[in-house]
């Protein structure tokens, strides 16, 4: 397995314990580490369909954008759930 890092991913959502905190969308900056199959071990040189690519970041953002959360930990959990839907992601 290799590690793939998404550093400084900007995730817009409404998060906070109180209604005033959630009234205005915030941009959370998150770092995500994904365990993914090694391209070297699989003998894959340049096959986009057999890799985890930037589309996953878009899916993660789409999953939380426009939603409200009380806890930032819940946002992190939702991002992890989305990442783990990709069959190539072993852990987040």
PDB file of N, CA and C in Angstrom:
ATOM      1  N   UNK A   1       0.830  -1.187   0.000  1.00  0.00           N
ATOM      2  CA  UNK A   1       0.000   0.000   0.000  1.00  0.00           C
ATOM      3  C   UNK A   1       0.876   1.253   0.000  1.00  0.00           C
ATOM      4  N   UNK A   2       0.378   2.265  -0.662  1.00  0.00           N
ATOM      5  CA  UNK A   2       0.987   3.589  -0.650  1.00  0.00           C
ATOM      6  C   UNK A   2       0.050   4.538   0.081  1.00  0.00           C
ATOM      7  N   UNK A   3       0.573   5.697   0.433  1.00  0.00           N
ATOM      8  CA  UNK A   3      -0.249   6.748   1.021  1.00  0.00           C
ATOM      9  C   UNK A   3      -0.416   7.858   0.005  1.00  0.00           C
ATOM     10  N   UNK A   4      -1.634   8.321  -0.111  1.00  0.00           N
ATOM     11  CA  UNK A   4      -1.956   9.457  -0.953  1.00  0.00           C
ATOM     12  C   UNK A   4      -2.444  10.565  -0.028  1.00  0.00           C
ATOM     13  N   UNK A   5      -1.846  11.737  -0.123  1.00  0.00           N
ATOM     14  CA  UNK A   5      -2.200  12.852   0.753  1.00  0.00           C
ATOM     15  C   UNK A   5      -2.987  13.905  -0.016  1.00  0.00           C
ATOM     16  N   UNK A   6      -4.096  14.320   0.570  1.00  0.00           N
ATOM     17  CA  UNK A   6      -4.828  15.491   0.089  1.00  0.00           C
ATOM     18  C   UNK A   6      -4.604  16.552   1.161  1.00  0.00           C
ATOM     19  N   UNK A   7      -3.715  17.471   0.901  1.00  0.00           N
ATOM     20  CA  UNK A   7      -3.348  18.458   1.908  1.00  0.00           C
ATOM     21  C   UNK A   7      -4.015  19.797   1.614  1.00  0.00           C
ATOM     22  N   UNK A   8      -4.619  20.374   2.649  1.00  0.00           N
ATOM     23  CA  UNK A   8      -5.244  21.679   2.516  1.00  0.00           C
ATOM     24  C   UNK A   8      -6.503  21.676   1.678  1.00  0.00           C
ATOM     25  N   UNK A   9      -7.217  20.550   1.670  1.00  0.00           N
ATOM     26  CA  UNK A   9      -8.466  20.464   0.915  1.00  0.00           C
ATOM     27  C   UNK A   9      -9.482  21.423   1.530  1.00  0.00           C
ATOM     28  N   UNK A  10     -10.002  22.350   0.746  1.00  0.00           N
ATOM     29  CA  UNK A  10     -10.973  23.337   1.222  1.00  0.00           C
ATOM     30  C   UNK A  10     -12.366  22.726   1.114  1.00  0.00           C
ATOM     31  N   UNK A  11     -13.018  22.576   2.278  1.00  0.00           N
ATOM     32  CA  UNK A  11     -14.322  21.928   2.347  1.00  0.00           C
ATOM     33  C   UNK A  11     -15.336  22.931   2.905  1.00  0.00           C
ATOM     34  N   UNK A  12     -16.211  23.491   2.050  1.00  0.00           N
ATOM     35  CA  UNK A  12     -17.192  24.452   2.533  1.00  0.00           C
ATOM     36  C   UNK A  12     -18.421  23.753   3.114  1.00  0.00           C
ATOM     37  N   UNK A  13     -18.802  24.161   4.309  1.00  0.00           N
ATOM     38  CA  UNK A  13     -20.022  23.630   4.925  1.00  0.00           C
ATOM     39  C   UNK A  13     -20.414  24.526   6.094  1.00  0.00           C
ATOM     40  N   UNK A  14     -21.551  24.229   6.673  1.00  0.00           N
ATOM     41  CA  UNK A  14     -22.020  24.960   7.847  1.00  0.00           C
ATOM     42  C   UNK A  14     -21.795  24.052   9.050  1.00  0.00           C
ATOM     43  N   UNK A  15     -20.965  24.502   9.972  1.00  0.00           N
ATOM     44  CA  UNK A  15     -20.642  23.671  11.128  1.00  0.00           C
ATOM     45  C   UNK A  15     -20.560  24.541  12.373  1.00  0.00           C
ATOM     46  N   UNK A  16     -21.086  24.002  13.470  1.00  0.00           N
ATOM     47  CA  UNK A  16     -21.021  24.704  14.747  1.00  0.00           C
ATOM     48  C   UNK A  16     -22.120  24.230  15.681  1.00  0.00           C
ATOM     49  N   UNK A  17     -21.901  24.451  16.964  1.00  0.00           N
ATOM     50  CA  UNK A  17     -22.860  23.996  17.978  1.00  0.00           C
ATOM     51  C   UNK A  17     -24.086  24.893  18.069  1.00  0.00           C
ATOM     52  N   UNK A  18     -23.945  26.147  17.673  1.00  0.00           N
ATOM     53  CA  UNK A  18     -25.064  27.076  17.791  1.00  0.00           C
ATOM     54  C   UNK A  18     -25.549  27.499  16.406  1.00  0.00           C
ATOM     55  N   UNK A  19     -26.794  27.944  16.350  1.00  0.00           N
ATOM     56  CA  UNK A  19     -27.371  28.400  15.083  1.00  0.00           C
ATOM     57  C   UNK A  19     -26.575  29.559  14.470  1.00  0.00           C
ATOM     58  N   UNK A  20     -26.145  30.549  15.283  1.00  0.00           N
ATOM     59  CA  UNK A  20     -25.335  31.618  14.681  1.00  0.00           C
ATOM     60  C   UNK A  20     -24.027  31.117  14.044  1.00  0.00           C
ATOM     61  N   UNK A  21     -23.415  30.093  14.629  1.00  0.00           N
ATOM     62  CA  UNK A  21     -22.190  29.529  14.035  1.00  0.00           C
ATOM     63  C   UNK A  21     -22.487  28.901  12.676  1.00  0.00           C
ATOM     64  N   UNK A  22     -23.655  28.280  12.568  1.00  0.00           N
ATOM     65  CA  UNK A  22     -24.021  27.598  11.325  1.00  0.00           C
ATOM     66  C   UNK A  22     -24.685  28.523  10.312  1.00  0.00           C
ATOM     67  N   UNK A  23     -24.946  29.762  10.688  1.00  0.00           N
ATOM     68  CA  UNK A  23     -25.660  30.687   9.813  1.00  0.00           C
ATOM     69  C   UNK A  23     -24.865  31.017   8.546  1.00  0.00           C
ATOM     70  N   UNK A  24     -23.569  31.045   8.661  1.00  0.00           N
ATOM     71  CA  UNK A  24     -22.709  31.393   7.533  1.00  0.00           C
ATOM     72  C   UNK A  24     -21.822  30.202   7.188  1.00  0.00           C
ATOM     73  N   UNK A  25     -21.787  29.805   5.924  1.00  0.00           N
ATOM     74  CA  UNK A  25     -20.896  28.708   5.544  1.00  0.00           C
ATOM     75  C   UNK A  25     -19.440  29.033   5.883  1.00  0.00           C
ATOM     76  N   UNK A  26     -18.732  28.021   6.322  1.00  0.00           N
ATOM     77  CA  UNK A  26     -17.315  28.145   6.622  1.00  0.00           C
ATOM     78  C   UNK A  26     -16.532  27.266   5.656  1.00  0.00           C
ATOM     79  N   UNK A  27     -15.303  27.616   5.442  1.00  0.00           N
ATOM     80  CA  UNK A  27     -14.444  26.782   4.624  1.00  0.00           C
ATOM     81  C   UNK A  27     -13.455  26.089   5.551  1.00  0.00           C
ATOM     82  N   UNK A  28     -13.653  24.817   5.727  1.00  0.00           N
ATOM     83  CA  UNK A  28     -12.742  24.033   6.561  1.00  0.00           C
ATOM     84  C   UNK A  28     -11.567  23.578   5.702  1.00  0.00           C
ATOM     85  N   UNK A  29     -10.388  23.636   6.247  1.00  0.00           N
ATOM     86  CA  UNK A  29      -9.207  23.130   5.550  1.00  0.00           C
ATOM     87  C   UNK A  29      -8.828  21.818   6.208  1.00  0.00           C
ATOM     88  N   UNK A  30      -8.851  20.747   5.432  1.00  0.00           N
ATOM     89  CA  UNK A  30      -8.568  19.425   5.991  1.00  0.00           C
ATOM     90  C   UNK A  30      -7.412  18.767   5.249  1.00  0.00           C
ATOM     91  N   UNK A  31      -6.713  17.928   5.967  1.00  0.00           N
ATOM     92  CA  UNK A  31      -5.676  17.079   5.389  1.00  0.00           C
ATOM     93  C   UNK A  31      -6.175  15.648   5.489  1.00  0.00           C
ATOM     94  N   UNK A  32      -6.106  14.925   4.385  1.00  0.00           N
ATOM     95  CA  UNK A  32      -6.618  13.561   4.328  1.00  0.00           C
ATOM     96  C   UNK A  32      -5.497  12.645   3.849  1.00  0.00           C
ATOM     97  N   UNK A  33      -5.325  11.528   4.541  1.00  0.00           N
ATOM     98  CA  UNK A  33      -4.350  10.519   4.109  1.00  0.00           C
ATOM     99  C   UNK A  33      -5.121   9.254   3.736  1.00  0.00           C
ATOM    100  N   UNK A  34      -4.916   8.779   2.531  1.00  0.00           N
ATOM    101  CA  UNK A  34      -5.587   7.590   2.033  1.00  0.00           C
ATOM    102  C   UNK A  34      -4.566   6.474   1.827  1.00  0.00           C
ATOM    103  N   UNK A  35      -4.913   5.280   2.238  1.00  0.00           N
ATOM    104  CA  UNK A  35      -4.090   4.111   1.918  1.00  0.00           C
ATOM    105  C   UNK A  35      -4.645   3.526   0.618  1.00  0.00           C
ATOM    106  N   UNK A  36      -3.775   3.461  -0.388  1.00  0.00           N
ATOM    107  CA  UNK A  36      -4.181   3.010  -1.720  1.00  0.00           C
ATOM    108  C   UNK A  36      -3.174   1.987  -2.240  1.00  0.00           C
ATOM    109  N   UNK A  37      -3.600   1.148  -3.184  1.00  0.00           N
ATOM    110  CA  UNK A  37      -2.673   0.159  -3.744  1.00  0.00           C
ATOM    111  C   UNK A  37      -1.481   0.836  -4.417  1.00  0.00           C
ATOM    112  N   UNK A  38      -0.340   0.216  -4.286  1.00  0.00           N
ATOM    113  CA  UNK A  38       0.860   0.724  -4.925  1.00  0.00           C
ATOM    114  C   UNK A  38       0.779   0.496  -6.431  1.00  0.00           C
ATOM    115  N   UNK A  39       0.990   1.550  -7.201  1.00  0.00           N
ATOM    116  CA  UNK A  39       0.995   1.406  -8.654  1.00  0.00           C
ATOM    117  C   UNK A  39       2.151   0.531  -9.109  1.00  0.00           C
ATOM    118  N   UNK A  40       3.275   0.629  -8.416  1.00  0.00           N
ATOM    119  CA  UNK A  40       4.442  -0.184  -8.780  1.00  0.00           C
ATOM    120  C   UNK A  40       4.132  -1.669  -8.632  1.00  0.00           C
ATOM    121  N   UNK A  41       3.514  -2.019  -7.498  1.00  0.00           N
ATOM    122  CA  UNK A  41       3.226  -3.432  -7.236  1.00  0.00           C
ATOM    123  C   UNK A  41       2.197  -3.994  -8.208  1.00  0.00           C
ATOM    124  N   UNK A  42       1.272  -3.144  -8.652  1.00  0.00           N
ATOM    125  CA  UNK A  42       0.226  -3.609  -9.558  1.00  0.00           C
ATOM    126  C   UNK A  42       0.663  -3.568 -11.019  1.00  0.00           C
ATOM    127  N   UNK A  43       1.819  -3.004 -11.273  1.00  0.00           N
ATOM    128  CA  UNK A  43       2.300  -2.924 -12.644  1.00  0.00           C
ATOM    129  C   UNK A  43       1.524  -1.925 -13.487  1.00  0.00           C
ATOM    130  N   UNK A  44       0.945  -0.925 -12.840  1.00  0.00           N
ATOM    131  CA  UNK A  44       0.143   0.085 -13.545  1.00  0.00           C
ATOM    132  C   UNK A  44       1.020   1.304 -13.775  1.00  0.00           C
ATOM    133  N   UNK A  45       1.173   1.680 -15.026  1.00  0.00           N
ATOM    134  CA  UNK A  45       2.009   2.826 -15.323  1.00  0.00           C
ATOM    135  C   UNK A  45       1.198   4.117 -15.406  1.00  0.00           C
ATOM    136  N   UNK A  46       0.060   4.089 -16.082  1.00  0.00           N
ATOM    137  CA  UNK A  46      -0.651   5.336 -16.342  1.00  0.00           C
ATOM    138  C   UNK A  46      -2.120   5.064 -16.673  1.00  0.00           C
ATOM    139  N   UNK A  47      -2.817   4.337 -15.816  1.00  0.00           N
ATOM    140  CA  UNK A  47      -4.211   3.974 -16.060  1.00  0.00           C
ATOM    141  C   UNK A  47      -5.101   4.692 -15.055  1.00  0.00           C
ATOM    142  N   UNK A  48      -5.749   5.758 -15.483  1.00  0.00           N
ATOM    143  CA  UNK A  48      -6.555   6.600 -14.609  1.00  0.00           C
ATOM    144  C   UNK A  48      -7.676   5.821 -13.924  1.00  0.00           C
ATOM    145  N   UNK A  49      -8.269   4.888 -14.614  1.00  0.00           N
ATOM    146  CA  UNK A  49      -9.393   4.134 -14.049  1.00  0.00           C
ATOM    147  C   UNK A  49      -8.971   3.151 -12.957  1.00  0.00           C
ATOM    148  N   UNK A  50      -7.693   2.881 -12.837  1.00  0.00           N
ATOM    149  CA  UNK A  50      -7.224   1.942 -11.809  1.00  0.00           C
ATOM    150  C   UNK A  50      -6.468   2.662 -10.696  1.00  0.00           C
ATOM    151  N   UNK A  51      -6.732   3.963 -10.576  1.00  0.00           N
ATOM    152  CA  UNK A  51      -6.087   4.766  -9.543  1.00  0.00           C
ATOM    153  C   UNK A  51      -7.126   5.621  -8.824  1.00  0.00           C
ATOM    154  N   UNK A  52      -6.725   6.179  -7.708  1.00  0.00           N
ATOM    155  CA  UNK A  52      -7.531   7.171  -7.009  1.00  0.00           C
ATOM    156  C   UNK A  52      -7.049   8.524  -7.506  1.00  0.00           C
ATOM    157  N   UNK A  53      -7.947   9.343  -8.060  1.00  0.00           N
ATOM    158  CA  UNK A  53      -7.516  10.614  -8.626  1.00  0.00           C
ATOM    159  C   UNK A  53      -8.301  11.770  -8.008  1.00  0.00           C
ATOM    160  N   UNK A  54      -8.078  12.956  -8.525  1.00  0.00           N
ATOM    161  CA  UNK A  54      -8.633  14.174  -7.947  1.00  0.00           C
ATOM    162  C   UNK A  54     -10.160  14.197  -7.907  1.00  0.00           C
ATOM    163  N   UNK A  55     -10.830  13.370  -8.697  1.00  0.00           N
ATOM    164  CA  UNK A  55     -12.297  13.348  -8.657  1.00  0.00           C
ATOM    165  C   UNK A  55     -12.808  12.999  -7.270  1.00  0.00           C
ATOM    166  N   UNK A  56     -12.042  12.203  -6.526  1.00  0.00           N
ATOM    167  CA  UNK A  56     -12.440  11.845  -5.164  1.00  0.00           C
ATOM    168  C   UNK A  56     -12.549  13.085  -4.288  1.00  0.00           C
ATOM    169  N   UNK A  57     -11.641  14.021  -4.428  1.00  0.00           N
ATOM    170  CA  UNK A  57     -11.703  15.265  -3.645  1.00  0.00           C
ATOM    171  C   UNK A  57     -13.005  16.003  -3.942  1.00  0.00           C
ATOM    172  N   UNK A  58     -13.395  16.053  -5.193  1.00  0.00           N
ATOM    173  CA  UNK A  58     -14.654  16.697  -5.572  1.00  0.00           C
ATOM    174  C   UNK A  58     -15.859  16.002  -4.973  1.00  0.00           C
ATOM    175  N   UNK A  59     -15.833  14.677  -4.946  1.00  0.00           N
ATOM    176  CA  UNK A  59     -16.926  13.905  -4.346  1.00  0.00           C
ATOM    177  C   UNK A  59     -17.024  14.177  -2.845  1.00  0.00           C
ATOM    178  N   UNK A  60     -15.885  14.286  -2.195  1.00  0.00           N
ATOM    179  CA  UNK A  60     -15.869  14.559  -0.762  1.00  0.00           C
ATOM    180  C   UNK A  60     -16.453  15.944  -0.477  1.00  0.00           C
ATOM    181  N   UNK A  61     -16.047  16.923  -1.247  1.00  0.00           N
ATOM    182  CA  UNK A  61     -16.562  18.286  -1.071  1.00  0.00           C
ATOM    183  C   UNK A  61     -18.063  18.317  -1.328  1.00  0.00           C
ATOM    184  N   UNK A  62     -18.505  17.697  -2.409  1.00  0.00           N
ATOM    185  CA  UNK A  62     -19.928  17.679  -2.746  1.00  0.00           C
ATOM    186  C   UNK A  62     -20.780  17.054  -1.643  1.00  0.00           C
ATOM    187  N   UNK A  63     -20.222  16.076  -0.947  1.00  0.00           N
ATOM    188  CA  UNK A  63     -20.983  15.357   0.086  1.00  0.00           C
ATOM    189  C   UNK A  63     -21.331  16.234   1.284  1.00  0.00           C
ATOM    190  N   UNK A  64     -20.502  17.216   1.589  1.00  0.00           N
ATOM    191  CA  UNK A  64     -20.751  18.036   2.785  1.00  0.00           C
ATOM    192  C   UNK A  64     -21.177  19.461   2.457  1.00  0.00           C
ATOM    193  N   UNK A  65     -20.923  19.893   1.249  1.00  0.00           N
ATOM    194  CA  UNK A  65     -21.265  21.261   0.867  1.00  0.00           C
ATOM    195  C   UNK A  65     -22.779  21.444   0.909  1.00  0.00           C
ATOM    196  N   UNK A  66     -23.194  22.534   1.546  1.00  0.00           N
ATOM    197  CA  UNK A  66     -24.615  22.828   1.623  1.00  0.00           C
ATOM    198  C   UNK A  66     -25.341  22.127   2.757  1.00  0.00           C
ATOM    199  N   UNK A  67     -24.651  21.329   3.536  1.00  0.00           N
ATOM    200  CA  UNK A  67     -25.251  20.638   4.676  1.00  0.00           C
ATOM    201  C   UNK A  67     -24.810  21.298   5.966  1.00  0.00           C
ATOM    202  N   UNK A  68     -25.546  21.035   7.035  1.00  0.00           N
ATOM    203  CA  UNK A  68     -25.216  21.579   8.354  1.00  0.00           C
ATOM    204  C   UNK A  68     -24.793  20.469   9.296  1.00  0.00           C
ATOM    205  N   UNK A  69     -23.796  20.770  10.113  1.00  0.00           N
ATOM    206  CA  UNK A  69     -23.270  19.825  11.091  1.00  0.00           C
ATOM    207  C   UNK A  69     -23.078  20.546  12.416  1.00  0.00           C
ATOM    208  N   UNK A  70     -23.315  19.834  13.493  1.00  0.00           N
ATOM    209  CA  UNK A  70     -23.026  20.375  14.815  1.00  0.00           C
ATOM    210  C   UNK A  70     -21.550  20.208  15.155  1.00  0.00           C
ATOM    211  N   UNK A  71     -20.980  19.073  14.764  1.00  0.00           N
ATOM    212  CA  UNK A  71     -19.612  18.724  15.155  1.00  0.00           C
ATOM    213  C   UNK A  71     -18.690  18.616  13.946  1.00  0.00           C
ATOM    214  N   UNK A  72     -17.509  19.154  14.089  1.00  0.00           N
ATOM    215  CA  UNK A  72     -16.509  19.055  13.036  1.00  0.00           C
ATOM    216  C   UNK A  72     -16.088  17.589  12.837  1.00  0.00           C
ATOM    217  N   UNK A  73     -16.165  16.824  13.912  1.00  0.00           N
ATOM    218  CA  UNK A  73     -15.834  15.387  13.820  1.00  0.00           C
ATOM    219  C   UNK A  73     -16.808  14.663  12.894  1.00  0.00           C
ATOM    220  N   UNK A  74     -18.037  15.112  12.868  1.00  0.00           N
ATOM    221  CA  UNK A  74     -19.034  14.504  11.980  1.00  0.00           C
ATOM    222  C   UNK A  74     -18.703  14.815  10.524  1.00  0.00           C
ATOM    223  N   UNK A  75     -18.199  16.017  10.274  1.00  0.00           N
ATOM    224  CA  UNK A  75     -17.764  16.369   8.921  1.00  0.00           C
ATOM    225  C   UNK A  75     -16.632  15.437   8.494  1.00  0.00           C
ATOM    226  N   UNK A  76     -15.671  15.234   9.380  1.00  0.00           N
ATOM    227  CA  UNK A  76     -14.545  14.345   9.080  1.00  0.00           C
ATOM    228  C   UNK A  76     -15.026  12.929   8.794  1.00  0.00           C
ATOM    229  N   UNK A  77     -15.988  12.464   9.577  1.00  0.00           N
ATOM    230  CA  UNK A  77     -16.527  11.119   9.363  1.00  0.00           C
ATOM    231  C   UNK A  77     -17.203  11.004   7.997  1.00  0.00           C
ATOM    232  N   UNK A  78     -17.967  12.016   7.632  1.00  0.00           N
ATOM    233  CA  UNK A  78     -18.643  11.994   6.332  1.00  0.00           C
ATOM    234  C   UNK A  78     -17.626  11.986   5.186  1.00  0.00           C
ATOM    235  N   UNK A  79     -16.570  12.762   5.313  1.00  0.00           N
ATOM    236  CA  UNK A  79     -15.523  12.767   4.289  1.00  0.00           C
ATOM    237  C   UNK A  79     -14.882  11.387   4.164  1.00  0.00           C
ATOM    238  N   UNK A  80     -14.640  10.740   5.302  1.00  0.00           N
ATOM    239  CA  UNK A  80     -14.046   9.403   5.293  1.00  0.00           C
ATOM    240  C   UNK A  80     -14.976   8.386   4.648  1.00  0.00           C
ATOM    241  N   UNK A  81     -16.261   8.472   4.945  1.00  0.00           N
ATOM    242  CA  UNK A  81     -17.241   7.553   4.361  1.00  0.00           C
ATOM    243  C   UNK A  81     -17.226   7.658   2.837  1.00  0.00           C
ATOM    244  N   UNK A  82     -17.198   8.881   2.341  1.00  0.00           N
ATOM    245  CA  UNK A  82     -17.165   9.088   0.890  1.00  0.00           C
ATOM    246  C   UNK A  82     -15.891   8.493   0.290  1.00  0.00           C
ATOM    247  N   UNK A  83     -14.759   8.748   0.923  1.00  0.00           N
ATOM    248  CA  UNK A  83     -13.490   8.214   0.408  1.00  0.00           C
ATOM    249  C   UNK A  83     -13.494   6.696   0.381  1.00  0.00           C
ATOM    250  N   UNK A  84     -14.065   6.093   1.420  1.00  0.00           N
ATOM    251  CA  UNK A  84     -14.067   4.627   1.506  1.00  0.00           C
ATOM    252  C   UNK A  84     -15.028   3.962   0.530  1.00  0.00           C
ATOM    253  N   UNK A  85     -15.897   4.726  -0.093  1.00  0.00           N
ATOM    254  CA  UNK A  85     -16.768   4.167  -1.143  1.00  0.00           C
ATOM    255  C   UNK A  85     -15.960   3.787  -2.370  1.00  0.00           C
ATOM    256  N   UNK A  86     -14.798   4.413  -2.518  1.00  0.00           N
ATOM    257  CA  UNK A  86     -13.928   4.075  -3.635  1.00  0.00           C
ATOM    258  C   UNK A  86     -13.257   2.747  -3.296  1.00  0.00           C
ATOM    259  N   UNK A  87     -13.450   1.768  -4.134  1.00  0.00           N
ATOM    260  CA  UNK A  87     -12.953   0.419  -3.851  1.00  0.00           C
ATOM    261  C   UNK A  87     -11.436   0.331  -3.740  1.00  0.00           C
ATOM    262  N   UNK A  88     -10.716   1.330  -4.224  1.00  0.00           N
ATOM    263  CA  UNK A  88      -9.265   1.317  -4.147  1.00  0.00           C
ATOM    264  C   UNK A  88      -8.735   1.907  -2.843  1.00  0.00           C
ATOM    265  N   UNK A  89      -9.601   2.540  -2.054  1.00  0.00           N
ATOM    266  CA  UNK A  89      -9.174   3.155  -0.811  1.00  0.00           C
ATOM    267  C   UNK A  89      -9.323   2.132   0.315  1.00  0.00           C
ATOM    268  N   UNK A  90      -8.214   1.762   0.923  1.00  0.00           N
ATOM    269  CA  UNK A  90      -8.232   0.751   1.991  1.00  0.00           C
ATOM    270  C   UNK A  90      -8.519   1.371   3.357  1.00  0.00           C
ATOM    271  N   UNK A  91      -8.024   2.582   3.591  1.00  0.00           N
ATOM    272  CA  UNK A  91      -8.272   3.269   4.851  1.00  0.00           C
ATOM    273  C   UNK A  91      -8.082   4.757   4.665  1.00  0.00           C
ATOM    274  N   UNK A  92      -8.668   5.509   5.604  1.00  0.00           N
ATOM    275  CA  UNK A  92      -8.596   6.983   5.579  1.00  0.00           C
ATOM    276  C   UNK A  92      -8.059   7.438   6.908  1.00  0.00           C
TER     277      UNK A  92
END
